[in-house]
Amino acid sequence: MNLGLTGKRALVLAGTSGLGRGTATALAGEGARVAICGRSLERARAVASEIAAATGNPAVTGFQCDVADGAGLEQLFAAAAAQLGGIDVLVGNAGGPPAGGFDALSDAAWAQAFELTLMSVVRSVRLALPHMRSAGGGAIVVIGSSSVRVPIKNLTLSNAYRPAVQALCKDLATNLAREGIRVNVVSPGRIDTPRIRELDGKASEREGISVEEARARTVATIPLGRIGTTEEFGRVAAFLASDAASYVTGASLLVDGGLVTSL
C-alpha cells in the first residue's frame, strides 16, 4: 500500500528514542521529510543521521527542544518549518510523567506533568495549525497511553492527564475536520522502550522480584504473548498520519497486543 507520505513534511516531538523514534523512522521510511527533537541537540542530530542511514532518506533533521517549555516549542516550530518548508504532519509526543501513586505526588509533580503531558500538546497543535491551514490541511497524531482506557498501577499522573489529552484531541478532531485537518490518538500498551524498561525496574524494586519476573508477569497478561516493538508502533502511527487514513479522524487506536480488554 502506498501511504502517500512521500514529500510530506513531518515534525515528530521527542523523536530521539522509543515511540517517537519508531514513528519518525516509519515516516522517513515512507519518504516523508522528517524533523525530530530531543532535549540534547547532539543526540537529536545523531539520531536523525541514524534514521537517515537506516531508511535511505537523507531528509531527516534533528533539533533541540524540551517539549514542556513553551518558548522552546516556539523556536522549534520556527526552525523546523523553515527547514522543511512547512508542516503537514505533527506527531505529538512527550516522555511519560514520573511513576508514583497519589500519596507520593507533590503539587510540583502535578504541575510539571501538566506542562509535559497536556500543555505540550496544546502548544504544539497551536503552533502547527497556521502551517497546516496555509497548506490546506494536515494530520495530527498524538501518542497517548493505554491508561486512557484502563488506569495503570503506580502511574497516577499518566492516568489523570492522558485521558485529558485524548478528550482534547476529540474536540480538535471535531472542530478542525472542515479545514481538512485530521486528529487521532495512537496509544501503546507494553512496547519495548526505555520507559517500559524503567517501569519494569521500578516494579521489581517495589515488589522484591527480579526484572525478568516483572516482565514475564506482564507478558502473561498480553493476549499476543509478547512485548511489542517500536517498529510495530511506528507503522501504525505513520498510517494514521498518511493519506491512506484520509477518512479517519477523532479515533483512538490501541497498539497493545490485545492487552486492554475493555470495549
Protein backbone atom coordinates (compact mmCIF):
# COMPACT_ATOMS: atom_id res chain seq x y z
CA MET A 1 0.00 0.00 0.00
CA ASN A 2 1.26 3.47 -0.90
CA LEU A 3 0.66 5.59 2.19
CA GLY A 4 1.06 8.84 0.26
CA LEU A 5 3.70 10.21 2.63
CA THR A 6 6.42 10.90 0.06
CA GLY A 7 7.47 14.52 0.38
CA LYS A 8 5.19 15.22 3.34
CA ARG A 9 6.75 17.49 5.95
CA ALA A 10 6.58 15.88 9.38
CA LEU A 11 7.64 17.10 12.81
CA VAL A 12 7.98 14.41 15.48
CA LEU A 13 8.30 15.66 19.03
CA ALA A 14 10.53 13.72 21.44
CA GLY A 15 11.73 11.67 18.50
CA THR A 16 15.15 10.56 19.70
CA SER A 17 14.08 7.32 21.38
CA GLY A 18 11.23 4.92 21.99
CA LEU A 19 7.87 5.53 20.36
CA GLY A 20 8.86 8.87 18.85
CA ARG A 21 11.91 7.40 17.19
CA GLY A 22 9.91 4.43 15.93
CA THR A 23 7.36 6.79 14.39
CA ALA A 24 9.98 9.08 12.87
CA THR A 25 11.70 6.06 11.33
CA ALA A 26 8.45 4.80 9.83
CA LEU A 27 7.64 8.23 8.37
CA ALA A 28 11.13 8.60 6.91
CA GLY A 29 10.92 5.09 5.51
CA GLU A 30 7.77 6.13 3.63
CA GLY A 31 9.56 9.09 2.07
CA ALA A 32 8.47 11.92 4.34
CA ARG A 33 10.78 14.78 5.17
CA VAL A 34 11.17 14.49 8.93
CA ALA A 35 12.30 16.77 11.75
CA ILE A 36 12.74 15.33 15.22
CA CYS A 37 13.56 16.96 18.52
CA GLY A 38 15.12 15.94 21.81
CA ARG A 39 16.47 17.63 24.90
CA SER A 40 20.04 17.22 23.61
CA LEU A 41 20.92 18.78 20.25
CA GLU A 42 23.88 16.45 19.84
CA ARG A 43 21.72 13.37 20.37
CA ALA A 44 18.91 14.69 18.17
CA ARG A 45 21.33 15.21 15.30
CA ALA A 46 22.94 11.82 15.84
CA VAL A 47 19.58 10.01 15.86
CA ALA A 48 18.46 11.93 12.76
CA SER A 49 21.59 10.70 10.98
CA GLU A 50 20.92 7.14 12.14
CA ILE A 51 17.33 7.27 10.89
CA ALA A 52 18.50 8.71 7.56
CA ALA A 53 21.04 5.91 7.16
CA ALA A 54 18.57 3.19 8.16
CA THR A 55 15.85 4.36 5.78
CA GLY A 56 17.94 5.68 2.91
CA ASN A 57 16.16 9.01 3.30
CA PRO A 58 18.58 11.94 3.79
CA ALA A 59 15.79 14.39 4.64
CA VAL A 60 15.85 13.83 8.41
CA THR A 61 16.91 16.66 10.71
CA GLY A 62 17.41 16.91 14.47
CA PHE A 63 16.65 19.89 16.70
CA GLN A 64 16.92 20.64 20.41
CA CYS A 65 13.73 21.18 22.42
CA ASP A 66 12.21 20.32 25.78
CA VAL A 67 8.56 19.92 24.81
CA ALA A 68 7.43 21.10 28.26
CA ASP A 69 8.96 24.52 27.51
CA GLY A 70 6.57 26.81 25.63
CA ALA A 71 9.27 29.20 24.43
CA GLY A 72 11.39 26.27 23.30
CA LEU A 73 8.48 24.89 21.28
CA GLU A 74 8.03 28.22 19.50
CA GLN A 75 11.70 28.20 18.50
CA LEU A 76 11.46 24.57 17.39
CA PHE A 77 8.44 25.13 15.14
CA ALA A 78 10.02 28.17 13.52
CA ALA A 79 13.26 26.29 12.83
CA ALA A 80 11.59 23.05 11.70
CA ALA A 81 9.14 24.82 9.40
CA ALA A 82 11.99 26.77 7.83
CA GLN A 83 13.99 23.56 7.32
CA LEU A 84 11.05 21.53 5.96
CA GLY A 85 9.29 24.33 4.09
CA GLY A 86 6.16 23.94 6.23
CA ILE A 87 4.49 21.30 8.37
CA ASP A 88 1.94 18.78 7.04
CA VAL A 89 2.20 16.23 9.85
CA LEU A 90 2.62 16.76 13.58
CA VAL A 91 3.36 13.83 15.87
CA GLY A 92 2.70 14.98 19.42
CA ASN A 93 4.81 13.08 21.91
CA ALA A 94 6.47 13.51 25.28
CA GLY A 95 8.23 11.31 27.76
CA GLY A 96 5.86 9.80 30.29
CA PRO A 97 5.38 11.65 33.57
CA PRO A 98 7.10 10.13 36.62
CA ALA A 99 5.74 6.97 38.18
CA GLY A 100 4.14 7.15 41.59
CA GLY A 101 0.89 6.69 43.47
CA PHE A 102 -1.32 9.55 44.60
CA ASP A 103 0.16 9.89 48.10
CA ALA A 104 3.68 10.27 46.73
CA LEU A 105 2.92 13.17 44.39
CA SER A 106 3.56 16.80 45.32
CA ASP A 107 1.93 19.86 43.80
CA ALA A 108 5.16 20.41 41.88
CA ALA A 109 4.94 16.93 40.37
CA TRP A 110 1.37 17.58 39.25
CA ALA A 111 2.35 20.94 37.75
CA GLN A 112 5.34 19.50 35.89
CA ALA A 113 3.27 16.63 34.49
CA PHE A 114 0.60 19.12 33.38
CA GLU A 115 3.18 21.07 31.36
CA LEU A 116 4.78 17.93 29.92
CA THR A 117 1.76 15.79 29.12
CA LEU A 118 -1.12 18.15 28.39
CA MET A 119 0.28 21.60 27.64
CA SER A 120 2.90 20.24 25.25
CA VAL A 121 0.03 19.04 23.07
CA VAL A 122 -1.94 22.27 23.45
CA ARG A 123 1.04 24.40 22.48
CA SER A 124 2.33 22.21 19.66
CA VAL A 125 -1.08 21.98 17.99
CA ARG A 126 -1.48 25.74 18.31
CA LEU A 127 1.89 26.22 16.62
CA ALA A 128 1.22 23.65 13.88
CA LEU A 129 -2.19 24.93 12.83
CA PRO A 130 -1.06 28.02 10.86
CA HIS A 131 1.21 25.83 8.72
CA MET A 132 -1.49 23.23 8.11
CA ARG A 133 -4.09 25.86 7.32
CA SER A 134 -1.82 27.53 4.79
CA ALA A 135 -1.25 24.13 3.18
CA GLY A 136 -4.98 23.39 3.04
CA GLY A 137 -4.92 20.52 5.54
CA GLY A 138 -2.78 18.23 7.61
CA ALA A 139 -2.61 15.37 10.06
CA ILE A 140 -2.01 15.42 13.80
CA VAL A 141 -1.18 12.16 15.55
CA VAL A 142 -0.78 12.28 19.31
CA ILE A 143 0.97 9.44 21.12
CA GLY A 144 -1.04 8.54 24.20
CA SER A 145 -1.12 5.56 26.54
CA SER A 146 -3.34 2.58 27.28
CA SER A 147 -4.13 4.44 30.52
CA VAL A 148 -6.73 6.36 28.50
CA ARG A 149 -8.82 3.17 28.74
CA VAL A 150 -7.65 1.46 31.93
CA PRO A 151 -5.62 3.07 34.75
CA ILE A 152 -2.13 1.64 35.17
CA LYS A 153 -0.88 0.77 38.64
CA ASN A 154 1.52 3.34 40.13
CA LEU A 155 1.09 5.78 37.21
CA THR A 156 -1.36 8.25 38.75
CA LEU A 157 -0.11 11.24 36.76
CA SER A 158 -0.46 9.41 33.45
CA ASN A 159 -3.87 8.05 34.49
CA ALA A 160 -5.07 11.60 35.12
CA TYR A 161 -3.55 13.53 32.21
CA ARG A 162 -3.59 11.08 29.30
CA PRO A 163 -7.42 10.92 29.19
CA ALA A 164 -7.44 14.73 29.20
CA VAL A 165 -5.18 14.71 26.14
CA GLN A 166 -7.47 12.25 24.41
CA ALA A 167 -10.52 14.40 25.17
CA LEU A 168 -8.71 17.43 23.77
CA CYS A 169 -7.90 15.54 20.58
CA LYS A 170 -11.53 14.50 20.15
CA ASP A 171 -12.54 18.14 20.49
CA LEU A 172 -9.89 19.20 17.97
CA ALA A 173 -10.89 16.49 15.50
CA THR A 174 -14.48 17.70 15.53
CA ASN A 175 -13.59 21.35 15.13
CA LEU A 176 -10.77 21.04 12.58
CA ALA A 177 -12.29 18.46 10.23
CA ARG A 178 -13.87 21.07 7.95
CA GLU A 179 -10.41 22.52 7.38
CA GLY A 180 -9.02 19.19 6.22
CA ILE A 181 -7.02 18.66 9.40
CA ARG A 182 -7.33 15.21 10.94
CA VAL A 183 -6.53 14.48 14.60
CA ASN A 184 -6.06 11.00 16.01
CA VAL A 185 -4.55 9.37 19.09
CA VAL A 186 -2.47 6.20 18.98
CA SER A 187 -1.86 4.60 22.36
CA PRO A 188 0.72 1.96 23.23
CA GLY A 189 0.34 -0.88 25.63
CA ARG A 190 3.59 -2.64 26.50
CA ILE A 191 6.12 -1.64 23.85
CA ASP A 192 9.83 -2.29 24.31
CA THR A 193 11.02 1.23 25.12
CA PRO A 194 13.36 2.73 27.72
CA ARG A 195 10.26 3.91 29.60
CA ILE A 196 8.85 0.37 29.88
CA ARG A 197 12.21 -1.00 30.94
CA GLU A 198 12.38 1.70 33.61
CA LEU A 199 8.89 0.80 34.87
CA ASP A 200 9.81 -2.89 34.97
CA GLY A 201 12.82 -1.98 37.09
CA LYS A 202 10.71 0.06 39.49
CA ALA A 203 8.20 -2.80 39.79
CA SER A 204 10.98 -5.24 40.60
CA GLU A 205 12.32 -2.95 43.35
CA ARG A 206 8.89 -2.25 44.77
CA GLU A 207 7.83 -5.88 44.89
CA GLY A 208 11.13 -7.58 45.62
CA ILE A 209 11.27 -9.62 42.41
CA SER A 210 13.70 -9.71 39.51
CA VAL A 211 13.24 -7.53 36.45
CA GLU A 212 12.80 -10.69 34.41
CA GLU A 213 9.99 -11.84 36.69
CA ALA A 214 8.31 -8.45 36.49
CA ARG A 215 8.43 -8.51 32.71
CA ALA A 216 7.28 -12.13 32.45
CA ARG A 217 4.29 -11.34 34.63
CA THR A 218 3.34 -8.51 32.29
CA VAL A 219 3.79 -10.62 29.16
CA ALA A 220 1.44 -13.20 30.65
CA THR A 221 -1.38 -10.59 30.55
CA ILE A 222 -0.92 -9.81 26.83
CA PRO A 223 -3.04 -12.00 24.52
CA LEU A 224 -0.44 -11.94 21.76
CA GLY A 225 2.07 -13.21 24.32
CA ARG A 226 4.90 -10.73 23.85
CA ILE A 227 6.05 -7.14 24.24
CA GLY A 228 5.55 -5.02 21.12
CA THR A 229 8.31 -3.26 19.19
CA THR A 230 8.74 0.41 18.41
CA GLU A 231 8.75 -0.52 14.72
CA GLU A 232 5.28 -2.04 15.02
CA PHE A 233 4.02 1.01 16.84
CA GLY A 234 5.64 3.42 14.39
CA ARG A 235 3.99 1.80 11.38
CA VAL A 236 0.55 2.30 12.91
CA ALA A 237 1.28 5.93 13.76
CA ALA A 238 2.59 6.56 10.24
CA PHE A 239 -0.57 5.05 8.76
CA LEU A 240 -2.74 7.44 10.80
CA ALA A 241 -0.62 10.36 9.57
CA SER A 242 -0.94 9.27 5.95
CA ASP A 243 -3.35 9.75 3.07
CA ALA A 244 -4.25 6.07 3.45
CA ALA A 245 -6.14 7.12 6.60
CA SER A 246 -7.81 10.09 4.90
CA TYR A 247 -11.27 9.21 6.33
CA VAL A 248 -10.03 8.59 9.87
CA THR A 249 -10.26 11.39 12.41
CA GLY A 250 -11.19 11.55 16.07
CA ALA A 251 -10.06 7.95 16.53
CA SER A 252 -8.26 6.44 19.50
CA LEU A 253 -6.31 3.39 18.42
CA LEU A 254 -4.59 0.98 20.78
CA VAL A 255 -1.36 -0.76 19.78
CA ASP A 256 -1.23 -3.19 22.68
CA GLY A 257 -1.34 -6.80 21.53
CA GLY A 258 -4.86 -7.10 22.95
CA LEU A 259 -3.80 -6.07 26.48
CA VAL A 260 -6.79 -3.78 27.11
CA THR A 261 -9.93 -5.88 27.10
CA SER A 262 -12.50 -3.11 27.61
CA LEU A 263 -14.79 -2.30 24.71
